[in-house]
N, C-alpha and C. Protein backbone atom coordinates (compact mmCIF):
# COMPACT_ATOMS: atom_id res chain seq x y z
N MET A 1 0.92 -1.27 0.09
CA MET A 1 -0.33 0.09 -0.26
C MET A 1 1.32 1.33 0.44
N SER A 2 0.76 1.81 -1.03
CA SER A 2 1.33 3.72 -1.05
C SER A 2 0.82 4.47 -0.03
N ASP A 3 1.76 5.40 -0.13
CA ASP A 3 1.39 6.10 1.38
C ASP A 3 -0.43 6.56 1.61
N THR A 4 -0.29 7.38 0.36
CA THR A 4 -1.52 7.74 -0.72
C THR A 4 -2.75 7.03 -0.56
N ALA A 5 -2.29 6.00 -0.61
CA ALA A 5 -3.81 4.96 -0.32
C ALA A 5 -4.48 4.85 0.95
N GLN A 6 -5.97 4.98 0.10
CA GLN A 6 -7.22 5.07 1.52
C GLN A 6 -6.77 4.08 2.73
N PRO A 7 -6.83 4.47 3.25
CA PRO A 7 -6.86 2.77 4.16
C PRO A 7 -8.55 1.69 4.55
N GLN A 8 -7.52 1.11 4.36
CA GLN A 8 -8.77 -0.24 3.12
C GLN A 8 -9.79 -0.41 4.99
N LEU A 9 -11.15 -0.16 4.80
CA LEU A 9 -11.89 -0.11 6.61
C LEU A 9 -13.00 -1.43 6.33
N LEU A 10 -12.67 -2.26 5.64
CA LEU A 10 -13.16 -3.93 5.53
C LEU A 10 -15.32 -4.16 6.32
N HIS A 11 -16.35 -4.22 5.80
CA HIS A 11 -17.13 -4.05 5.92
C HIS A 11 -17.92 -5.96 5.66
N LEU A 12 -18.25 -6.08 6.70
CA LEU A 12 -19.07 -7.41 6.30
C LEU A 12 -20.88 -7.80 6.56
N VAL A 13 -21.50 -7.93 5.46
CA VAL A 13 -23.13 -8.04 5.73
C VAL A 13 -23.32 -9.62 5.93
N ILE A 14 -24.40 -9.12 6.53
CA ILE A 14 -24.93 -10.70 6.69
C ILE A 14 -26.00 -10.41 7.15
N GLY A 15 -26.67 -12.05 7.05
CA GLY A 15 -28.14 -11.14 7.12
C GLY A 15 -28.93 -13.51 7.73
N GLY A 16 -30.38 -13.07 8.05
CA GLY A 16 -30.84 -14.18 8.24
C GLY A 16 -32.15 -13.78 9.16
N GLU A 17 -33.39 -14.98 9.21
CA GLU A 17 -33.81 -14.67 10.21
C GLU A 17 -33.72 -15.01 11.92
N LEU A 18 -34.71 -13.36 12.22
CA LEU A 18 -34.69 -13.15 13.62
C LEU A 18 -35.24 -14.57 14.12
N VAL A 19 -34.72 -14.48 15.78
CA VAL A 19 -36.07 -15.10 16.16
C VAL A 19 -37.39 -14.14 17.12
N ASP A 20 -36.84 -13.42 17.27
CA ASP A 20 -37.64 -11.98 17.23
C ASP A 20 -36.91 -11.00 17.08
N LEU A 21 -38.01 -9.73 17.00
CA LEU A 21 -37.79 -8.45 16.44
C LEU A 21 -37.35 -7.78 17.79
N GLU A 22 -37.05 -8.24 18.98
CA GLU A 22 -36.30 -7.74 20.12
C GLU A 22 -34.80 -7.72 20.00
N HIS A 23 -34.45 -8.72 19.87
CA HIS A 23 -33.59 -9.26 19.85
C HIS A 23 -32.46 -9.89 18.01
N ASN A 24 -30.84 -9.53 18.12
CA ASN A 24 -30.27 -9.83 17.78
C ASN A 24 -29.88 -11.24 17.53
N THR A 25 -31.00 -12.02 17.62
CA THR A 25 -30.78 -13.36 17.33
C THR A 25 -30.69 -14.50 16.79
N PHE A 26 -30.53 -14.52 15.56
CA PHE A 26 -31.14 -15.66 14.20
C PHE A 26 -31.77 -16.82 14.59
N LYS A 27 -32.17 -17.09 14.11
CA LYS A 27 -33.29 -18.99 14.50
C LYS A 27 -31.93 -20.25 14.15
N ASN A 28 -31.67 -19.54 13.09
CA ASN A 28 -30.63 -20.90 12.65
C ASN A 28 -29.07 -20.46 12.36
N LEU A 29 -28.58 -20.69 13.24
CA LEU A 29 -27.07 -20.15 12.04
C LEU A 29 -26.63 -21.30 10.94
N ASP A 30 -26.89 -22.22 10.66
CA ASP A 30 -26.56 -22.38 9.33
C ASP A 30 -27.48 -22.00 8.02
N GLN A 31 -28.64 -21.23 9.01
CA GLN A 31 -28.77 -20.58 7.13
C GLN A 31 -28.86 -18.74 7.06
N VAL A 32 -27.52 -18.51 8.02
CA VAL A 32 -27.47 -17.07 7.94
C VAL A 32 -26.46 -16.53 6.85
N ASP A 33 -27.18 -15.72 6.20
CA ASP A 33 -26.66 -15.88 4.47
C ASP A 33 -25.49 -14.28 5.13
N ILE A 34 -24.56 -15.14 4.19
CA ILE A 34 -23.30 -13.91 4.43
C ILE A 34 -22.95 -13.51 3.19
N VAL A 35 -23.47 -12.43 3.00
CA VAL A 35 -23.55 -11.68 1.26
C VAL A 35 -22.06 -11.54 0.56
N GLY A 36 -20.88 -11.19 2.26
CA GLY A 36 -19.58 -10.75 1.32
C GLY A 36 -18.70 -9.35 2.32
N VAL A 37 -17.94 -9.52 2.23
CA VAL A 37 -16.79 -8.40 2.67
C VAL A 37 -16.38 -7.53 1.87
N PHE A 38 -16.29 -5.95 2.10
CA PHE A 38 -16.50 -5.72 1.43
C PHE A 38 -15.57 -4.06 2.09
N PRO A 39 -14.58 -3.57 0.63
CA PRO A 39 -13.56 -2.48 1.43
C PRO A 39 -13.87 -0.70 1.74
N ASN A 40 -15.53 -0.89 1.84
CA ASN A 40 -15.75 -0.25 2.83
C ASN A 40 -16.94 0.35 2.69
N TYR A 41 -17.91 1.58 3.50
CA TYR A 41 -19.12 1.10 3.76
C TYR A 41 -19.99 1.33 2.85
N ALA A 42 -19.77 2.30 2.36
CA ALA A 42 -20.66 2.21 0.53
C ALA A 42 -21.18 1.40 0.05
N THR A 43 -20.01 0.68 -0.17
CA THR A 43 -20.50 -0.55 -0.92
C THR A 43 -20.64 -1.53 0.32
N ALA A 44 -20.83 -1.99 1.58
CA ALA A 44 -21.42 -2.86 2.32
C ALA A 44 -22.92 -2.69 1.66
N HIS A 45 -23.05 -0.51 2.33
CA HIS A 45 -24.21 -0.43 2.36
C HIS A 45 -25.10 -0.40 0.65
N ALA A 46 -24.59 -0.55 0.36
CA ALA A 46 -24.87 -1.34 -0.98
C ALA A 46 -25.82 -2.38 -1.18
N ALA A 47 -24.64 -3.23 -0.74
CA ALA A 47 -25.29 -4.72 -0.68
C ALA A 47 -26.58 -5.17 -0.40
N TRP A 48 -26.10 -4.57 1.69
CA TRP A 48 -27.11 -4.35 2.37
C TRP A 48 -28.37 -3.91 2.01
N LYS A 49 -28.40 -2.89 1.44
CA LYS A 49 -30.28 -2.40 1.15
C LYS A 49 -30.70 -3.55 -0.06
N ALA A 50 -29.80 -3.35 -1.10
CA ALA A 50 -30.21 -4.73 -2.28
C ALA A 50 -30.97 -6.20 -1.53
N LYS A 51 -30.19 -6.47 -0.09
CA LYS A 51 -30.92 -7.75 0.43
C LYS A 51 -31.86 -7.36 1.57
N ALA A 52 -31.44 -6.39 1.70
CA ALA A 52 -33.27 -6.56 2.73
C ALA A 52 -34.26 -5.58 2.09
N GLN A 53 -33.97 -4.95 0.61
CA GLN A 53 -35.15 -5.08 -0.10
C GLN A 53 -35.93 -6.35 -0.45
N MET A 54 -34.57 -7.08 -1.27
CA MET A 54 -35.03 -8.49 -1.59
C MET A 54 -35.88 -9.41 -0.50
N THR A 55 -36.02 -8.77 1.11
CA THR A 55 -36.60 -10.02 1.45
C THR A 55 -37.42 -8.97 2.38
N VAL A 56 -38.11 -7.86 1.74
CA VAL A 56 -39.38 -7.17 2.66
C VAL A 56 -40.30 -7.69 3.54
N ASP A 57 -40.44 -8.67 2.03
CA ASP A 57 -42.00 -9.46 2.24
C ASP A 57 -41.86 -10.26 4.14
N ASN A 58 -40.81 -10.52 4.51
CA ASN A 58 -40.35 -11.31 5.95
C ASN A 58 -39.84 -10.44 7.19
N ALA A 59 -40.75 -10.24 8.46
CA ALA A 59 -40.88 -9.54 9.02
C ALA A 59 -39.63 -9.63 9.55
N GLN A 60 -39.57 -11.25 9.97
CA GLN A 60 -38.30 -11.73 10.27
C GLN A 60 -36.73 -11.23 10.47
N MET A 61 -36.87 -10.91 8.42
CA MET A 61 -35.48 -10.86 8.16
C MET A 61 -34.74 -10.29 8.27
N ARG A 62 -33.61 -10.45 8.44
CA ARG A 62 -32.68 -8.47 8.97
C ARG A 62 -31.19 -8.89 8.41
N TYR A 63 -30.82 -7.86 8.05
CA TYR A 63 -29.69 -7.77 7.16
C TYR A 63 -28.60 -6.65 8.29
N PHE A 64 -27.24 -7.11 8.06
CA PHE A 64 -27.05 -6.55 9.40
C PHE A 64 -25.17 -6.30 8.44
N VAL A 65 -24.80 -4.61 8.35
CA VAL A 65 -23.64 -4.21 8.25
C VAL A 65 -22.22 -4.23 9.17
N VAL A 66 -21.69 -5.49 9.27
CA VAL A 66 -20.48 -5.27 10.41
C VAL A 66 -18.94 -4.40 10.24
N HIS A 67 -18.25 -3.48 11.38
CA HIS A 67 -18.05 -2.61 10.63
C HIS A 67 -16.53 -3.98 11.14
N LEU A 68 -15.75 -4.86 10.09
CA LEU A 68 -14.28 -5.55 10.39
C LEU A 68 -13.33 -4.94 10.88
N HIS A 69 -13.27 -3.81 10.20
CA HIS A 69 -12.47 -3.07 10.74
C HIS A 69 -12.24 -2.49 11.84
N ARG A 70 -13.19 -2.20 12.55
CA ARG A 70 -13.66 -1.76 14.18
C ARG A 70 -12.98 -2.78 14.97
N LEU A 71 -13.10 -4.33 14.59
CA LEU A 71 -12.71 -5.85 15.51
C LEU A 71 -11.29 -5.90 14.96
N LEU A 72 -10.39 -5.62 14.11
CA LEU A 72 -9.49 -5.67 13.23
C LEU A 72 -8.68 -5.00 14.68
N ASP A 73 -8.64 -3.82 14.69
CA ASP A 73 -8.00 -2.84 14.49
C ASP A 73 -8.87 -1.53 15.33
N PRO A 74 -8.97 -1.70 16.66
CA PRO A 74 -10.23 -0.64 17.54
C PRO A 74 -9.70 0.46 17.62
N GLU A 75 -8.46 0.12 17.58
CA GLU A 75 -7.99 2.19 17.79
C GLU A 75 -7.87 2.36 16.59
N GLN A 76 -8.09 1.68 15.24
CA GLN A 76 -8.24 2.58 14.09
C GLN A 76 -9.01 3.80 13.73
N ASP A 77 -10.17 3.62 14.74
CA ASP A 77 -10.94 4.88 14.66
C ASP A 77 -10.38 6.54 15.34
N GLU A 78 -9.92 5.61 16.83
CA GLU A 78 -9.31 7.16 17.37
C GLU A 78 -7.93 7.91 17.14
N LYS A 79 -7.47 7.06 15.99
CA LYS A 79 -5.64 7.36 15.23
C LYS A 79 -6.56 8.28 13.87
N HIS A 80 -7.61 7.61 13.52
CA HIS A 80 -8.02 8.50 11.83
C HIS A 80 -8.82 9.92 12.50
N SER A 81 -9.35 9.84 13.75
CA SER A 81 -10.22 11.05 14.48
C SER A 81 -9.66 11.86 15.16
N HIS A 82 -8.13 12.48 14.71
CA HIS A 82 -7.19 13.12 15.09
C HIS A 82 -6.62 14.27 14.56
C-alpha cells in the first residue's frame, strides 16, 4: 500500500431470520446469509440495501453491516479522528 492510498475499512454484510424483533438472535445459524466482505461502508451499504429490499416481505428477516475494521484494529477510529 502506498502512502497516499486510503486505509482499507473492511465491512461484512450478513443476514438471516431472527428469533424475534426485540433481539439480534438468528433462528438458525446454519442459514445465516453471508453476503460478503466489502472494502468500504458505501459498497457494504449498497449490498445491505439490496438484500434488505429483496426480503422486505419477511418481517423476521434482517441484514446487518458489521464494521470488521473496528474489530481488527479497535484503535483505528481513534487514530483517524485526530
